[in-house]
Amino acid sequence: MPVPGLFQLDAQPRSPLDRLSQRELIAIRLFGEGLSHKEVAQRSGNRADDRAPLLALHL
């Protein structure tokens, strides 16, 4: 029964994906499309030898 002046909130458990940065979520999507580490790094504008292994370690 609604109570005037109060709001009802429905809580949901947090997903582990909620803790990832926007950059990590993009990398996951690109890996899912079949891109290699090097291709993911190139698309994100980073040197593949600097960033691609780090991204993979965080996923």
C-alpha atoms as a PDB file:
ATOM      1  CA  MET A   1       0.000   0.000   0.000  1.00  0.00           C
ATOM      2  CA  PRO A   2       1.549   3.342  -1.042  1.00  0.00           C
ATOM      3  CA  VAL A   3       2.302   5.848   1.694  1.00  0.00           C
ATOM      4  CA  PRO A   4       2.077   9.523   0.691  1.00  0.00           C
ATOM      5  CA  GLY A   5       5.470  11.258   0.618  1.00  0.00           C
ATOM      6  CA  LEU A   6       7.536   8.034   0.512  1.00  0.00           C
ATOM      7  CA  PHE A   7       9.255   6.330  -2.384  1.00  0.00           C
ATOM      8  CA  GLN A   8       9.702   2.626  -2.993  1.00  0.00           C
ATOM      9  CA  LEU A   9      13.085   1.468  -4.257  1.00  0.00           C
ATOM     10  CA  ASP A  10      13.838  -1.970  -5.621  1.00  0.00           C
ATOM     11  CA  ALA A  11      17.400  -3.037  -4.864  1.00  0.00           C
ATOM     12  CA  GLN A  12      19.285  -5.369  -7.174  1.00  0.00           C
ATOM     13  CA  PRO A  13      22.598  -7.112  -6.567  1.00  0.00           C
ATOM     14  CA  ARG A  14      25.555  -5.389  -8.206  1.00  0.00           C
ATOM     15  CA  SER A  15      27.162  -7.066 -11.167  1.00  0.00           C
ATOM     16  CA  PRO A  16      30.948  -7.490 -11.275  1.00  0.00           C
ATOM     17  CA  LEU A  17      30.760  -5.526 -14.538  1.00  0.00           C
ATOM     18  CA  ASP A  18      29.650  -2.451 -12.573  1.00  0.00           C
ATOM     19  CA  ARG A  19      33.207  -2.100 -11.242  1.00  0.00           C
ATOM     20  CA  LEU A  20      34.829  -1.917 -14.676  1.00  0.00           C
ATOM     21  CA  SER A  21      35.818   1.368 -16.265  1.00  0.00           C
ATOM     22  CA  GLN A  22      34.279   2.546 -19.532  1.00  0.00           C
ATOM     23  CA  ARG A  23      37.553   1.720 -21.276  1.00  0.00           C
ATOM     24  CA  GLU A  24      37.518  -1.844 -19.923  1.00  0.00           C
ATOM     25  CA  LEU A  25      33.904  -2.338 -21.038  1.00  0.00           C
ATOM     26  CA  ILE A  26      34.820  -1.187 -24.547  1.00  0.00           C
ATOM     27  CA  ALA A  27      37.772  -3.586 -24.590  1.00  0.00           C
ATOM     28  CA  ILE A  28      35.496  -6.469 -23.543  1.00  0.00           C
ATOM     29  CA  ARG A  29      33.093  -5.649 -26.366  1.00  0.00           C
ATOM     30  CA  LEU A  30      35.942  -5.542 -28.887  1.00  0.00           C
ATOM     31  CA  PHE A  31      37.393  -8.838 -27.635  1.00  0.00           C
ATOM     32  CA  GLY A  32      33.895 -10.294 -27.953  1.00  0.00           C
ATOM     33  CA  GLU A  33      33.815  -9.190 -31.584  1.00  0.00           C
ATOM     34  CA  GLY A  34      36.934 -11.283 -32.131  1.00  0.00           C
ATOM     35  CA  LEU A  35      39.596  -8.577 -32.220  1.00  0.00           C
ATOM     36  CA  SER A  36      43.122  -9.402 -31.087  1.00  0.00           C
ATOM     37  CA  HIS A  37      44.907  -7.620 -28.237  1.00  0.00           C
ATOM     38  CA  LYS A  38      46.812  -5.568 -30.783  1.00  0.00           C
ATOM     39  CA  GLU A  39      43.630  -4.570 -32.645  1.00  0.00           C
ATOM     40  CA  VAL A  40      41.907  -3.562 -29.392  1.00  0.00           C
ATOM     41  CA  ALA A  41      44.895  -1.410 -28.438  1.00  0.00           C
ATOM     42  CA  GLN A  42      44.975   0.196 -31.887  1.00  0.00           C
ATOM     43  CA  ARG A  43      41.265   1.025 -31.747  1.00  0.00           C
ATOM     44  CA  SER A  44      41.660   2.597 -28.330  1.00  0.00           C
ATOM     45  CA  GLY A  45      44.521   4.761 -29.609  1.00  0.00           C
ATOM     46  CA  ASN A  46      47.216   3.088 -27.492  1.00  0.00           C
ATOM     47  CA  ARG A  47      50.412   1.382 -28.495  1.00  0.00           C
ATOM     48  CA  ALA A  48      49.674  -2.343 -28.578  1.00  0.00           C
ATOM     49  CA  ASP A  49      52.887  -3.299 -26.800  1.00  0.00           C
ATOM     50  CA  ASP A  50      52.100  -0.920 -23.882  1.00  0.00           C
ATOM     51  CA  ARG A  51      48.417  -1.380 -23.225  1.00  0.00           C
ATOM     52  CA  ALA A  52      47.007  -4.600 -24.680  1.00  0.00           C
ATOM     53  CA  PRO A  53      48.548  -7.012 -22.123  1.00  0.00           C
ATOM     54  CA  LEU A  54      47.476  -4.735 -19.246  1.00  0.00           C
ATOM     55  CA  LEU A  55      43.890  -4.685 -20.443  1.00  0.00           C
ATOM     56  CA  ALA A  56      43.831  -8.458 -20.674  1.00  0.00           C
ATOM     57  CA  LEU A  57      45.219  -8.828 -17.142  1.00  0.00           C
ATOM     58  CA  HIS A  58      42.427  -6.661 -15.712  1.00  0.00           C
ATOM     59  CA  LEU A  59      39.663  -8.649 -17.411  1.00  0.00           C
END
